[in-house]
Protein backbone atom coordinates (compact mmCIF):
# COMPACT_ATOMS: atom_id res chain seq x y z
CA MET A 1 -95.95 -33.91 25.12
CA ASP A 2 -96.37 -36.90 22.82
CA SER A 3 -95.93 -40.15 24.76
CA GLU A 4 -96.97 -42.71 22.15
CA SER A 5 -94.81 -45.79 21.78
CA GLY A 6 -91.61 -45.45 19.81
CA ARG A 7 -88.80 -47.82 18.87
CA GLY A 8 -88.34 -50.63 21.41
CA GLY A 9 -91.84 -50.19 22.80
CA GLY A 10 -91.03 -47.05 24.84
CA PRO A 11 -92.58 -43.61 24.66
CA VAL A 12 -91.21 -41.39 21.92
CA ASP A 13 -89.97 -38.83 24.48
CA ALA A 14 -88.00 -41.48 26.41
CA LEU A 15 -84.34 -41.08 27.33
CA VAL A 16 -81.24 -43.16 27.91
CA VAL A 17 -78.20 -42.49 30.10
CA GLY A 18 -74.59 -43.18 29.14
CA ILE A 19 -71.78 -43.08 31.71
CA ASP A 20 -68.01 -43.22 31.19
CA SER A 21 -65.97 -43.75 34.37
CA GLY A 22 -62.20 -43.67 34.03
CA GLY A 23 -59.02 -42.70 35.77
CA SER A 24 -59.41 -38.99 35.03
CA GLY A 25 -63.03 -38.66 36.15
CA LEU A 26 -66.61 -39.51 35.34
CA ARG A 27 -68.72 -38.26 32.43
CA VAL A 28 -72.47 -38.59 31.92
CA ALA A 29 -74.63 -38.06 28.84
CA LEU A 30 -78.41 -37.94 28.48
CA ALA A 31 -79.77 -38.90 25.06
CA ARG A 32 -83.00 -39.62 23.22
CA ALA A 33 -83.84 -43.32 23.30
CA ALA A 34 -85.28 -43.16 19.79
CA ASP A 35 -82.05 -42.26 17.99
CA GLY A 36 -79.25 -41.66 20.53
CA THR A 37 -79.12 -37.90 20.00
CA VAL A 38 -77.28 -36.46 23.01
CA LEU A 39 -79.27 -33.79 24.82
CA GLY A 40 -76.76 -32.91 27.51
CA ARG A 41 -73.46 -33.87 29.12
CA ALA A 42 -71.99 -33.47 32.59
CA ALA A 43 -68.66 -34.33 34.21
CA ALA A 44 -67.32 -35.01 37.69
CA PRO A 45 -63.57 -34.68 38.37
CA GLY A 46 -61.38 -37.41 39.78
CA PRO A 47 -61.73 -41.19 39.58
CA VAL A 48 -64.40 -43.12 41.45
CA ARG A 49 -62.97 -44.53 44.67
CA THR A 50 -62.38 -48.23 45.25
CA GLY A 51 -63.05 -50.20 48.42
CA PRO A 52 -63.24 -53.80 49.67
CA GLY A 53 -65.91 -54.61 47.08
CA GLY A 54 -63.99 -52.99 44.23
CA ILE A 55 -65.23 -49.79 42.60
CA SER A 56 -67.34 -47.96 45.19
CA ALA A 57 -70.99 -47.97 44.10
CA ALA A 58 -71.85 -45.36 46.73
CA HIS A 59 -69.20 -42.90 45.47
CA PHE A 60 -70.21 -43.64 41.89
CA LEU A 61 -73.87 -42.85 42.62
CA GLU A 62 -72.94 -39.69 44.55
CA SER A 63 -71.58 -38.33 41.28
CA VAL A 64 -74.02 -39.83 38.79
CA LEU A 65 -77.44 -39.31 40.35
CA PRO A 66 -77.22 -35.51 40.82
CA ALA A 67 -75.68 -35.10 37.37
CA VAL A 68 -78.46 -37.07 35.69
CA ALA A 69 -81.11 -35.25 37.74
CA ALA A 70 -79.78 -31.92 36.48
CA LEU A 71 -79.64 -33.14 32.89
CA ARG A 72 -83.20 -34.53 33.09
CA ALA A 73 -84.45 -31.25 34.49
CA GLY A 74 -82.93 -29.47 31.53
CA ALA A 75 -84.53 -31.97 29.14
CA GLY A 76 -88.05 -31.58 30.39
CA GLY A 77 -88.21 -32.99 33.89
CA ASP A 78 -89.90 -36.35 34.18
CA ARG A 79 -89.24 -37.86 30.75
CA PRO A 80 -88.78 -41.62 31.32
CA VAL A 81 -85.34 -43.26 31.18
CA LEU A 82 -85.54 -46.64 29.44
CA ALA A 83 -81.95 -47.83 29.76
CA ALA A 84 -78.53 -46.95 31.10
CA ALA A 85 -75.04 -48.07 30.12
CA VAL A 86 -71.89 -47.75 32.21
CA GLY A 87 -68.36 -48.15 30.91
CA ALA A 88 -65.86 -48.35 33.75
CA ALA A 89 -62.13 -48.91 33.97
CA GLY A 90 -61.54 -52.08 35.97
CA MET A 91 -65.09 -53.40 35.50
CA ALA A 92 -63.86 -56.97 34.94
CA THR A 93 -61.86 -57.21 38.17
CA LEU A 94 -63.27 -54.42 40.36
CA GLY A 95 -66.91 -54.23 39.28
CA GLU A 96 -68.56 -56.68 41.69
CA GLU A 97 -70.18 -53.97 43.80
CA LEU A 98 -71.32 -52.00 40.77
CA ARG A 99 -72.95 -55.10 39.28
CA ALA A 100 -74.77 -55.76 42.55
CA VAL A 101 -75.93 -52.21 43.28
CA LEU A 102 -76.32 -50.14 40.12
CA PRO A 103 -79.27 -51.85 38.37
CA GLY A 104 -81.46 -51.51 41.48
CA ALA A 105 -80.29 -47.95 42.15
CA PHE A 106 -81.00 -46.91 38.56
CA ALA A 107 -84.42 -48.58 38.67
CA ASP A 108 -85.27 -46.74 41.89
CA ALA A 109 -84.01 -43.39 40.60
CA TRP A 110 -85.18 -43.48 36.98
CA LYS A 111 -87.30 -46.66 36.65
CA VAL A 112 -84.95 -47.96 33.95
CA ARG A 113 -85.86 -51.26 32.32
CA GLY A 114 -82.28 -52.44 31.83
CA THR A 115 -78.65 -51.59 32.49
CA VAL A 116 -75.53 -52.45 30.54
CA LEU A 117 -72.30 -52.71 32.54
CA ALA A 118 -69.20 -52.84 30.36
CA ALA A 119 -65.45 -52.55 30.52
CA ASP A 120 -64.15 -49.21 29.33
CA ALA A 121 -62.52 -50.97 26.38
CA VAL A 122 -65.99 -52.08 25.23
CA THR A 123 -67.40 -48.56 25.37
CA ALA A 124 -64.29 -47.38 23.52
CA TYR A 125 -65.06 -50.00 20.86
CA ALA A 126 -68.74 -49.05 20.69
CA GLY A 127 -67.87 -45.37 20.40
CA ALA A 128 -65.25 -45.92 17.72
CA LEU A 129 -66.92 -48.55 15.52
CA GLY A 130 -70.43 -49.19 16.81
CA ALA A 131 -71.87 -52.65 16.16
CA ARG A 132 -69.59 -53.74 13.32
CA PRO A 133 -66.79 -56.33 13.12
CA GLY A 134 -63.27 -55.14 13.64
CA ALA A 135 -60.70 -54.16 16.23
CA VAL A 136 -60.10 -51.05 18.27
CA VAL A 137 -56.84 -50.16 19.97
CA ALA A 138 -57.45 -47.96 23.00
CA GLY A 139 -54.18 -46.28 23.88
CA GLY A 140 -53.28 -43.86 26.64
CA THR A 141 -51.17 -44.43 29.72
CA GLY A 142 -51.97 -48.12 29.13
CA LEU A 143 -53.00 -50.00 26.01
CA ILE A 144 -55.51 -52.67 25.09
CA ALA A 145 -56.85 -53.97 21.80
CA LEU A 146 -60.36 -55.38 21.57
CA GLY A 147 -61.96 -57.04 18.59
CA THR A 148 -65.22 -58.76 17.77
CA ASP A 149 -66.98 -60.59 14.96
CA LEU A 150 -70.25 -59.71 16.77
CA ARG A 151 -70.40 -63.26 18.17
CA GLY A 152 -67.58 -63.08 20.71
CA TRP A 153 -64.65 -60.91 21.81
CA ARG A 154 -60.90 -61.09 21.21
CA ARG A 155 -58.61 -59.21 23.58
CA ALA A 156 -54.92 -58.44 23.33
CA ASP A 157 -52.71 -56.84 25.99
CA GLY A 158 -54.10 -54.51 28.63
CA TRP A 159 -51.94 -56.30 31.23
CA GLY A 160 -50.63 -53.20 32.97
CA HIS A 161 -47.30 -51.41 32.84
CA LEU A 162 -45.32 -54.16 34.58
CA LEU A 163 -46.47 -57.08 32.44
CA GLY A 164 -47.64 -55.49 29.19
CA ASP A 165 -49.35 -52.38 27.81
CA CYS A 166 -46.68 -52.62 25.14
CA GLY A 167 -46.48 -49.50 22.99
CA SER A 168 -48.51 -47.45 25.47
CA GLY A 169 -47.65 -44.05 26.86
CA ALA A 170 -46.12 -45.66 29.94
CA TRP A 171 -44.12 -48.07 27.76
CA ILE A 172 -42.80 -45.26 25.54
CA GLY A 173 -41.98 -43.07 28.54
CA ARG A 174 -40.16 -45.86 30.35
CA ALA A 175 -38.15 -46.71 27.23
CA GLY A 176 -37.26 -43.04 26.84
CA LEU A 177 -36.11 -42.74 30.44
CA GLU A 178 -34.08 -45.93 30.10
CA ALA A 179 -32.34 -44.44 27.06
CA ALA A 180 -31.68 -41.30 29.10
CA LEU A 181 -30.06 -43.31 31.90
CA ARG A 182 -28.00 -45.29 29.38
CA ALA A 183 -26.62 -41.99 28.14
CA HIS A 184 -25.96 -40.91 31.74
CA ASP A 185 -23.95 -44.10 32.31
CA GLY A 186 -22.17 -44.08 28.95
CA ARG A 187 -23.78 -47.36 27.85
CA ARG A 188 -24.71 -48.27 24.30
CA GLY A 189 -28.21 -47.31 23.21
CA GLY A 190 -28.26 -44.11 25.19
CA SER A 191 -29.68 -40.78 24.06
CA PRO A 192 -28.04 -37.58 25.27
CA ALA A 193 -31.02 -35.66 23.90
CA LEU A 194 -33.47 -37.71 25.99
CA LEU A 195 -31.16 -37.35 29.00
CA ALA A 196 -31.37 -33.57 28.68
CA ARG A 197 -35.17 -33.75 28.39
CA ALA A 198 -35.43 -36.09 31.37
CA GLU A 199 -33.30 -33.87 33.59
CA LYS A 200 -35.27 -30.80 32.57
CA LEU A 201 -38.47 -32.57 33.58
CA HIS A 202 -37.34 -34.57 36.62
CA GLY A 203 -34.06 -33.09 37.82
CA PRO A 204 -30.67 -34.86 37.98
CA ALA A 205 -30.78 -38.33 36.43
CA ALA A 206 -29.27 -39.99 39.48
CA GLY A 207 -32.36 -39.04 41.45
CA LEU A 208 -34.84 -40.64 39.06
CA PRO A 209 -35.21 -44.00 40.87
CA ALA A 210 -35.88 -42.36 44.22
CA ALA A 211 -38.34 -39.96 42.63
CA LEU A 212 -40.20 -42.63 40.66
CA TYR A 213 -40.25 -45.94 42.52
CA PRO A 214 -42.16 -44.89 45.66
CA ARG A 215 -44.99 -43.28 43.68
CA THR A 216 -48.34 -44.99 43.37
CA ASP A 217 -48.99 -43.25 40.02
CA ARG A 218 -45.87 -44.62 38.31
CA PRO A 219 -47.63 -45.45 35.02
CA ALA A 220 -48.85 -41.85 34.68
CA VAL A 221 -45.41 -40.46 35.54
CA LEU A 222 -43.80 -42.72 32.93
CA ALA A 223 -46.41 -41.76 30.34
CA ALA A 224 -45.73 -38.07 30.96
CA PHE A 225 -42.35 -38.57 29.30
CA ALA A 226 -43.83 -40.05 26.10
CA PRO A 227 -44.47 -36.60 24.54
CA GLU A 228 -40.81 -35.78 25.15
CA VAL A 229 -39.80 -38.89 23.21
CA ALA A 230 -42.12 -37.91 20.37
CA ALA A 231 -40.88 -34.31 20.38
CA GLY A 232 -37.28 -35.47 19.99
CA ALA A 233 -37.88 -38.16 17.37
CA ALA A 234 -37.20 -35.96 14.33
CA ASP A 235 -33.58 -35.32 15.38
CA ASP A 236 -32.81 -38.32 17.59
CA PRO A 237 -32.61 -41.82 16.09
CA VAL A 238 -32.91 -43.39 19.55
CA ALA A 239 -36.21 -41.63 20.20
CA ALA A 240 -37.42 -42.48 16.69
CA GLY A 241 -36.48 -46.12 17.26
CA ILE A 242 -38.51 -46.24 20.48
CA LEU A 243 -41.59 -45.03 18.62
CA GLU A 244 -41.00 -47.52 15.80
CA ARG A 245 -40.89 -50.37 18.32
CA ALA A 246 -44.02 -48.98 20.01
CA ALA A 247 -45.77 -48.98 16.62
CA GLU A 248 -44.84 -52.62 16.09
CA HIS A 249 -46.26 -53.57 19.51
CA ILE A 250 -49.49 -51.68 18.85
CA ALA A 251 -49.90 -53.32 15.45
CA ASP A 252 -49.25 -56.73 17.01
CA ALA A 253 -52.06 -56.13 19.50
CA ALA A 254 -54.42 -54.95 16.76
CA ALA A 255 -53.67 -58.01 14.64
CA ALA A 256 -54.22 -60.38 17.56
CA ALA A 257 -57.58 -58.80 18.38
CA CYS A 258 -58.91 -58.37 14.84
CA PRO A 259 -61.34 -61.14 13.83
CA PRO A 260 -60.92 -63.00 10.50
CA ASP A 261 -63.92 -61.25 9.02
CA PRO A 262 -63.82 -59.82 5.48
CA THR A 263 -65.72 -56.73 6.62
CA ALA A 264 -63.46 -55.99 9.61
CA VAL A 265 -61.92 -52.57 10.09
CA VAL A 266 -59.47 -51.22 12.66
CA ALA A 267 -59.56 -47.95 14.60
CA LEU A 268 -57.27 -46.19 17.05
CA THR A 269 -58.68 -44.24 19.95
CA GLY A 270 -57.25 -42.52 23.01
CA GLY A 271 -54.76 -39.84 23.96
CA LEU A 272 -51.70 -41.90 22.96
CA PHE A 273 -52.34 -41.21 19.31
CA ARG A 274 -52.16 -37.48 19.86
CA LEU A 275 -48.38 -37.98 19.81
CA GLY A 276 -48.85 -37.47 16.08
CA ASP A 277 -46.74 -38.44 13.10
CA PRO A 278 -43.65 -39.64 15.01
CA LEU A 279 -45.84 -42.54 16.19
CA LEU A 280 -48.58 -42.62 13.55
CA VAL A 281 -46.32 -42.85 10.48
CA PRO A 282 -44.56 -46.07 11.59
CA LEU A 283 -47.85 -47.35 13.04
CA ARG A 284 -49.67 -47.02 9.72
CA ALA A 285 -46.88 -48.97 8.05
CA ALA A 286 -46.94 -51.67 10.74
CA LEU A 287 -50.74 -52.02 10.54
CA ALA A 288 -50.58 -52.37 6.75
CA GLU A 289 -48.03 -55.17 7.20
CA ARG A 290 -49.83 -57.00 10.04
CA LEU A 291 -53.40 -56.50 8.74
CA PRO A 292 -53.19 -56.37 4.95
CA GLY A 293 -56.53 -55.51 3.41
CA VAL A 294 -58.07 -54.35 6.70
CA PRO A 295 -58.98 -50.67 6.38
CA ALA A 296 -57.94 -48.28 9.14
CA VAL A 297 -60.80 -45.89 9.89
CA ALA A 298 -61.17 -42.84 12.09
CA PRO A 299 -63.12 -43.49 15.29
CA ALA A 300 -66.69 -42.24 15.06
CA GLY A 301 -66.77 -41.22 18.72
CA ASP A 302 -65.30 -41.67 22.18
CA PRO A 303 -66.15 -44.02 25.09
CA LEU A 304 -68.98 -41.79 26.32
CA ASP A 305 -70.51 -41.95 22.85
CA GLY A 306 -70.09 -45.71 23.09
CA ALA A 307 -71.96 -45.86 26.39
CA VAL A 308 -74.81 -43.88 24.83
CA ALA A 309 -74.85 -46.25 21.85
CA LEU A 310 -75.04 -49.31 24.13
CA ALA A 311 -77.88 -47.76 26.15
CA THR A 312 -79.74 -46.79 22.97
CA GLY A 313 -79.35 -50.32 21.62
CA LEU A 314 -80.61 -51.82 24.86
CA ALA A 315 -83.63 -49.53 24.82
CA ALA A 316 -84.40 -50.93 21.36
CA GLY A 317 -83.95 -54.54 22.47
CA ALA A 318 -80.21 -55.36 22.49
CA PRO A 319 -76.93 -53.41 22.84
CA GLY A 320 -75.65 -54.68 19.49
CA LEU A 321 -72.38 -56.11 20.82
CA PRO A 322 -71.92 -59.60 22.31
CA GLU A 323 -72.34 -60.29 26.01
CA ASP A 324 -69.31 -61.57 27.93
CA PRO A 325 -68.95 -62.18 31.69
CA ALA A 326 -65.80 -60.07 31.90
CA LEU A 327 -66.56 -57.42 29.30
CA LEU A 328 -70.26 -56.71 28.80
CA ARG A 329 -73.24 -57.67 30.95
CA ILE A 330 -76.91 -56.82 30.63
CA LEU A 331 -78.64 -56.58 34.02
């Protein structure tokens, strides 16, 4: 096998590892360091546990190390790994243990030269736009917008379902359930159609508070009603109005995060936007109003692709996106 030096001073058969750790599980990709071509992917179900030090490094490594070992075996065994990149939900506030443990663990396991630790919003950005100026709105149960001019970062929202995440799946679902309960009470602004959908999904409306408030996964339960709002929007002006307000919130976040750069673009990524035209039609109009002249582009890839891109960039000398203590660190 040819082992002469390639880009970044590493052997041409060298590899990089990208890792995406989120609420639904953990995904790993092995790629060529020379060009980022993905050679294999693996997944582990369920989120990584948290403990006193934040995200559990031990649980994280229990999932990652065997997965990477299997992928390396399939790629030719002992090919060197030059760099790794991890995108993790909660990295800014819960990543202390990961920052302390992972670089040494990766060096011991794979002899990596460097590790990028990033918030999941950063890997979403890198996957969607790569190293170019612009803004990315990552929408799912929650919502955050992240933008950069490649010198620094601009963040908007991402404050959780109690204080923000405006326009997110949880926000839309909560607004839909509120409209259902307004109809149940006979108050203005209610939607009998959403009441019927809510009772079909959750049972009698009067039992909703008792069913919802004690749950630790309230944001996900709220977000599960967002598709019902979207499904009813064509025939229900209340549901359509909720999605129009969500679109305005999303566009506000995108505008706040987008840098004043003439080459900036904006992209939308995440499961929220699978709600389709009931959300996307008013959102396109709101983005055109808030960000005139800023093209909306389709995301090139997902957060795992972004982690691979960051690792590939680091193997070549730099990840391509700016460092920030809360968002992106090179260790």
